[in-house]
């Protein structure tokens, strides 16, 4: 059912194909046709599967419910001989890489084990439903919250667990169950869940929660394109005004409705719960971009964010001084002490930046300080 790459090249030689690039093109063509399977990755490229059904049998050994050594999704590498007892031990590591290639499992950092999400327990929903702000280590006033719901006409079995595998590097402390994952990235903390009604929901809190939403959206779209042809979904985004008023159950706008409103040149939409009037442009800034028009909106929004950030780090007065010139006594009548000058300016409402260039003399620091002062 499998051949080494060396054997493949020998067969190609017998049939008049000698160049390595020509062999690879032929193998790729047969892979695209479904006749064989070859994975051009560092760990899998040296083996070609000539019977694709064989891969199904390999995966079935992992997800089997009969006397499996895999408990609660934990696949210890020491159990490979039991799980794949009917396969040559020399290829067990290759088979493990195959499960990762098909998003069936992912390696646990610093552990001699993989995790198989589809074999995990469902978990305690009461524990999963709460996002703890204290874990972020952030000021509560800086934390924003948002969410996105993906609705599928049909949610194929395994899609959600494969999504969990692709997001494994963001899974906090391996906090993951069969129907949910806790994610963390750049000060944002999220909860990804599979709902009962063919839906997937992601709730995020953090400094820039939309960044995590866009990440999940991109990976989900990539997954459906790569492995679930014909599966379509639309997503729902929350009313921004409901979120601003602290609603725990905000009204949701569908992406289809927002894009249809833009097509008919509507200016506003109204949320169903609290009847907030929201401009189409405001909603488009929340949608993950898919067209050049939406990318332009997000670019403009990012530029506005950069301008706001620049304003937040600007100072009114930049003071450059040498420590050797500071008088010994702050209340000296002969000279003006730098701290006295700063207190006087700050008392008038000015924001000051003072730097001792004897300690950190650097032209770059001086230029930056002057540039950031009004």
Foldseek 3Di string as FASTA:
>chain_A
DKDFVVVLQVVCVVVPRHDPVVSVVVLVVCVVVVQKNADPDPLTRGMIGRDVVVLVVLVCLVPPPPPDPQAQQKFAPVCLCVSPVVDDPVCSVVSVVVCLVVLQWADDPPHRIIGGQQSHAQDDVVVQVDDDLVVLVDDPVLKAKWKKKKAWPDQDPPLVSSLCSVQVVQFPPPQGHSFWTWGDDDSKIWIWGDDDRRMIMIMIMGNCRLVVVLVSVVSSVVSCVVPPPPIDIWMWTFDVVCRVVVHPDGFIDIPVVLVVCVVVPHQWDFGDPPRDTDGSLVVLCSDNDDDPVSVVSVVVVVVVVVVVVLLVQAFAEEAEDAPVPADPDCPDPVDHGPVNVVVVCVVVVGGYDYDHCVVPPDPVVVVVSVVRHD
